[in-house]
Amino acid sequence: MPGAVGAWRKSLVEKAGGFSEDTLAEDQDLTLSIRRRGFSIAYADEAIGYTEAPDTLGGLAKQRFRWSFGTLQCLWKHRRTFFRARYGSLGFVALPNVLLFQIIYPFLSPIADLMFVLSLWSAWAIREQHGATYAMTSVQQVLTYYAVFLIIDWVASILAFMLEPDEDKSLTWLIFLQRFAYRQVMYWVVVRSVFAALRGRLVGWGKLERKATVELETASSRS
């Protein structure tokens, strides 16, 4: 239920109490509220929504921080949904999946990158003490393990794309670029969100910089 292209049944929105100010992810919060009442969420995979995305790293980090912190707020607000039989897949699959892959996994993942950097530093130390032969062996082991990790990540992404027949499979090569840019931004965002939540810090929506950069594709431009 992305906020940029979501359609709501008015009667259900009113039944759920409307949009709440409890979280920074009001669309996610309302979706969960309606879903908890036993109603279905339909997904139109061919729908297209036009929205202006941040065009700077700082703007992207601020947007993702709002989303991450809003997700934490939603998980806490709807915590009584977890592993309750009455909520079915929402409580046993959907919310645990969000907690694991959007919060816990990104929060712990920097440890893996840190271990990779420390391994390279260790290889350099071995080179200084025992010469290049021993160091190369260590570097090859580190790079091999990391390459296997990247390949597994890439294959998993391809499998996810295969589940969506109409997706452009050529986009999967971007997974490699994502790991060395976007992923580090998300690490920082999630870690910052978790510590802000633990401190009980009040987080506002902040100022959104709009540049009116979205252009709709017309029939004449396509021809």
Protein backbone atom coordinates (compact mmCIF):
# COMPACT_ATOMS: atom_id res chain seq x y z
CA MET A 1 0.00 0.00 0.00
CA PRO A 2 2.46 2.70 -1.13
CA GLY A 3 1.29 6.16 -0.19
CA ALA A 4 1.90 7.46 -3.71
CA VAL A 5 -0.53 5.06 -5.37
CA GLY A 6 -2.99 3.78 -2.79
CA ALA A 7 -6.77 3.61 -3.15
CA TRP A 8 -8.85 3.27 -0.01
CA ARG A 9 -12.43 2.26 0.64
CA LYS A 10 -13.85 5.20 2.53
CA SER A 11 -16.07 3.14 4.81
CA LEU A 12 -13.11 1.07 6.01
CA VAL A 13 -10.95 4.13 6.57
CA GLU A 14 -13.70 5.63 8.73
CA LYS A 15 -14.16 2.33 10.58
CA ALA A 16 -10.43 2.26 11.37
CA GLY A 17 -10.55 5.80 12.69
CA GLY A 18 -8.95 7.50 9.70
CA PHE A 19 -5.31 8.42 9.31
CA SER A 20 -3.55 8.47 12.66
CA GLU A 21 -0.84 10.87 13.80
CA ASP A 22 0.78 8.19 15.96
CA THR A 23 3.44 7.28 13.40
CA LEU A 24 5.47 8.74 10.54
CA ALA A 25 4.15 5.96 8.28
CA GLU A 26 0.46 6.74 8.37
CA ASP A 27 -0.32 4.72 5.24
CA GLN A 28 1.35 1.63 6.70
CA ASP A 29 -0.37 2.18 10.03
CA LEU A 30 -3.82 2.48 8.42
CA THR A 31 -3.16 -0.58 6.24
CA LEU A 32 -2.34 -2.65 9.33
CA SER A 33 -5.38 -1.32 11.18
CA ILE A 34 -7.69 -2.34 8.34
CA ARG A 35 -5.96 -5.68 7.87
CA ARG A 36 -6.29 -6.46 11.58
CA ARG A 37 -10.03 -6.04 11.19
CA GLY A 38 -10.04 -8.96 8.78
CA PHE A 39 -10.27 -7.09 5.49
CA SER A 40 -8.10 -7.86 2.47
CA ILE A 41 -5.52 -5.66 0.79
CA ALA A 42 -5.56 -5.99 -3.00
CA TYR A 43 -2.37 -5.33 -4.95
CA ALA A 44 -2.49 -4.10 -8.55
CA ASP A 45 0.95 -4.96 -9.89
CA GLU A 46 0.37 -3.08 -13.16
CA ALA A 47 -0.52 0.21 -11.49
CA ILE A 48 1.91 3.07 -12.08
CA GLY A 49 2.44 5.90 -9.62
CA TYR A 50 4.49 9.02 -10.32
CA THR A 51 6.27 10.53 -7.37
CA GLU A 52 9.28 12.79 -6.85
CA ALA A 53 12.22 10.91 -5.36
CA PRO A 54 15.14 12.53 -3.49
CA ASP A 55 18.01 13.38 -5.83
CA THR A 56 20.70 13.82 -3.16
CA LEU A 57 22.25 11.33 -0.76
CA GLY A 58 21.25 13.47 2.21
CA GLY A 59 17.66 13.75 1.02
CA LEU A 60 17.50 10.00 0.43
CA ALA A 61 18.84 9.27 3.93
CA LYS A 62 16.27 11.61 5.51
CA GLN A 63 13.41 10.01 3.59
CA ARG A 64 14.52 6.48 4.45
CA PHE A 65 14.97 7.48 8.09
CA ARG A 66 11.35 8.63 8.25
CA TRP A 67 10.24 5.38 6.68
CA SER A 68 12.40 3.24 8.95
CA PHE A 69 11.38 5.08 12.11
CA GLY A 70 7.73 5.00 11.00
CA THR A 71 7.99 1.25 10.46
CA LEU A 72 9.37 0.83 13.98
CA GLN A 73 6.47 2.86 15.32
CA CYS A 74 3.97 0.71 13.41
CA LEU A 75 5.56 -2.51 14.66
CA TRP A 76 5.35 -1.26 18.24
CA LYS A 77 1.81 0.07 17.85
CA HIS A 78 0.61 -3.24 16.39
CA ARG A 79 2.85 -5.46 18.53
CA ARG A 80 -0.15 -7.40 19.87
CA THR A 81 -0.67 -8.72 16.32
CA PHE A 82 2.51 -10.81 16.42
CA PHE A 83 1.92 -14.56 16.53
CA ARG A 84 -1.78 -14.28 17.25
CA ALA A 85 -3.86 -16.93 15.51
CA ARG A 86 -6.76 -14.56 14.95
CA TYR A 87 -4.62 -12.40 12.63
CA GLY A 88 -3.43 -15.30 10.48
CA SER A 89 -0.59 -14.57 8.05
CA LEU A 90 -0.41 -10.94 9.19
CA GLY A 91 0.77 -11.98 12.63
CA PHE A 92 2.77 -15.06 11.66
CA VAL A 93 4.33 -14.00 8.34
CA ALA A 94 3.95 -10.37 7.32
CA LEU A 95 4.93 -8.50 10.48
CA PRO A 96 7.70 -10.93 11.52
CA ASN A 97 9.07 -10.58 7.97
CA VAL A 98 9.12 -6.79 8.30
CA LEU A 99 10.80 -6.96 11.70
CA LEU A 100 13.43 -9.45 10.54
CA PHE A 101 14.35 -8.09 7.10
CA GLN A 102 13.68 -4.37 7.49
CA ILE A 103 14.91 -3.85 11.06
CA ILE A 104 16.96 -6.68 12.59
CA TYR A 105 18.89 -7.77 9.49
CA PRO A 106 19.95 -4.22 8.41
CA PHE A 107 20.78 -3.42 12.05
CA LEU A 108 23.18 -6.38 12.33
CA SER A 109 24.52 -6.38 8.76
CA PRO A 110 27.18 -3.70 9.37
CA ILE A 111 28.95 -6.29 11.52
CA ALA A 112 29.53 -8.42 8.41
CA ASP A 113 31.00 -5.47 6.50
CA LEU A 114 33.13 -4.57 9.51
CA MET A 115 34.46 -8.14 9.68
CA PHE A 116 35.33 -7.92 5.97
CA VAL A 117 37.34 -4.72 6.55
CA LEU A 118 39.04 -6.21 9.61
CA SER A 119 39.95 -9.31 7.59
CA LEU A 120 41.65 -7.16 4.96
CA TRP A 121 43.50 -5.27 7.70
CA SER A 122 44.55 -8.61 9.19
CA ALA A 123 45.88 -9.68 5.78
CA TRP A 124 47.94 -6.50 5.62
CA ALA A 125 49.32 -7.22 9.11
CA ILE A 126 50.25 -10.76 8.03
CA ARG A 127 52.04 -9.33 5.01
CA GLU A 128 54.08 -7.05 7.24
CA GLN A 129 55.05 -9.91 9.56
CA HIS A 130 55.35 -12.94 7.30
CA GLY A 131 55.62 -11.65 3.75
CA ALA A 132 53.37 -11.40 0.71
CA THR A 133 52.90 -15.17 0.22
CA TYR A 134 51.02 -15.69 3.48
CA ALA A 135 49.14 -12.42 3.00
CA MET A 136 47.91 -13.37 -0.48
CA THR A 137 46.53 -16.65 0.86
CA SER A 138 44.56 -14.77 3.51
CA VAL A 139 43.30 -12.14 1.03
CA GLN A 140 42.18 -14.83 -1.40
CA GLN A 141 40.18 -16.55 1.34
CA VAL A 142 38.49 -13.32 2.40
CA LEU A 143 37.64 -12.31 -1.17
CA THR A 144 36.38 -15.81 -1.96
CA TYR A 145 33.99 -15.82 1.00
CA TYR A 146 32.76 -12.33 0.16
CA ALA A 147 32.30 -13.26 -3.53
CA VAL A 148 30.23 -16.30 -2.51
CA PHE A 149 28.13 -14.04 -0.30
CA LEU A 150 27.54 -11.61 -3.20
CA ILE A 151 26.64 -14.43 -5.59
CA ILE A 152 24.13 -15.92 -3.14
CA ASP A 153 22.59 -12.47 -2.67
CA TRP A 154 22.39 -12.02 -6.44
CA VAL A 155 20.88 -15.45 -7.06
CA ALA A 156 18.25 -14.82 -4.38
CA SER A 157 17.39 -11.54 -6.11
CA ILE A 158 17.07 -13.30 -9.47
CA LEU A 159 14.71 -15.85 -7.90
CA ALA A 160 12.62 -13.00 -6.54
CA PHE A 161 12.50 -11.44 -10.01
CA MET A 162 11.49 -14.78 -11.51
CA LEU A 163 8.42 -14.80 -9.28
CA GLU A 164 7.31 -11.66 -11.11
CA PRO A 165 7.17 -12.67 -14.81
CA ASP A 166 6.84 -9.12 -16.10
CA GLU A 167 9.87 -7.73 -14.27
CA ASP A 168 12.95 -6.67 -16.25
CA LYS A 169 15.52 -9.34 -15.39
CA SER A 170 18.38 -7.18 -16.69
CA LEU A 171 18.01 -4.96 -13.62
CA THR A 172 19.46 -7.63 -11.35
CA TRP A 173 23.04 -6.52 -12.07
CA LEU A 174 22.26 -3.40 -10.01
CA ILE A 175 22.30 -5.61 -6.92
CA PHE A 176 26.11 -5.39 -6.96
CA LEU A 177 26.05 -1.57 -7.05
CA GLN A 178 23.39 -1.48 -4.36
CA ARG A 179 25.61 -3.41 -1.95
CA PHE A 180 28.35 -0.76 -2.11
CA ALA A 181 26.19 2.37 -1.92
CA TYR A 182 22.51 2.15 -1.03
CA ARG A 183 22.96 -0.63 1.49
CA GLN A 184 25.40 1.37 3.60
CA VAL A 185 22.93 4.26 3.65
CA MET A 186 20.22 1.88 4.88
CA TYR A 187 22.56 0.51 7.57
CA TRP A 188 23.02 4.01 8.95
CA VAL A 189 19.32 4.81 8.67
CA VAL A 190 18.15 1.69 10.53
CA VAL A 191 20.81 1.96 13.25
CA ARG A 192 19.93 5.62 13.74
CA SER A 193 16.21 4.79 13.87
CA VAL A 194 16.67 2.04 16.46
CA PHE A 195 18.79 4.22 18.75
CA ALA A 196 16.36 7.13 18.35
CA ALA A 197 13.54 4.82 19.40
CA LEU A 198 15.51 3.46 22.38
CA ARG A 199 16.20 7.00 23.57
CA GLY A 200 12.53 7.86 23.25
CA ARG A 201 13.48 10.67 20.91
CA LEU A 202 10.63 12.61 19.33
CA VAL A 203 11.01 12.51 15.55
CA GLY A 204 9.04 14.81 13.27
CA TRP A 205 8.27 14.61 9.58
CA GLY A 206 10.83 17.30 8.75
CA LYS A 207 11.03 19.49 5.69
CA LEU A 208 10.57 17.87 2.31
CA GLU A 209 12.39 19.60 -0.50
CA ARG A 210 10.27 19.55 -3.66
CA LYS A 211 11.88 20.36 -7.00
CA ALA A 212 9.06 19.46 -9.40
CA THR A 213 11.32 17.15 -11.37
CA VAL A 214 8.69 14.54 -12.28
CA GLU A 215 7.64 14.56 -15.91
CA LEU A 216 4.76 12.47 -17.19
CA GLU A 217 5.34 10.53 -20.37
CA THR A 218 2.81 11.56 -22.99
CA ALA A 219 1.56 9.64 -26.00
CA SER A 220 3.42 11.98 -28.35
CA SER A 221 6.75 11.45 -26.55
CA ARG A 222 6.34 7.67 -26.75
CA SER A 223 5.76 7.84 -30.50
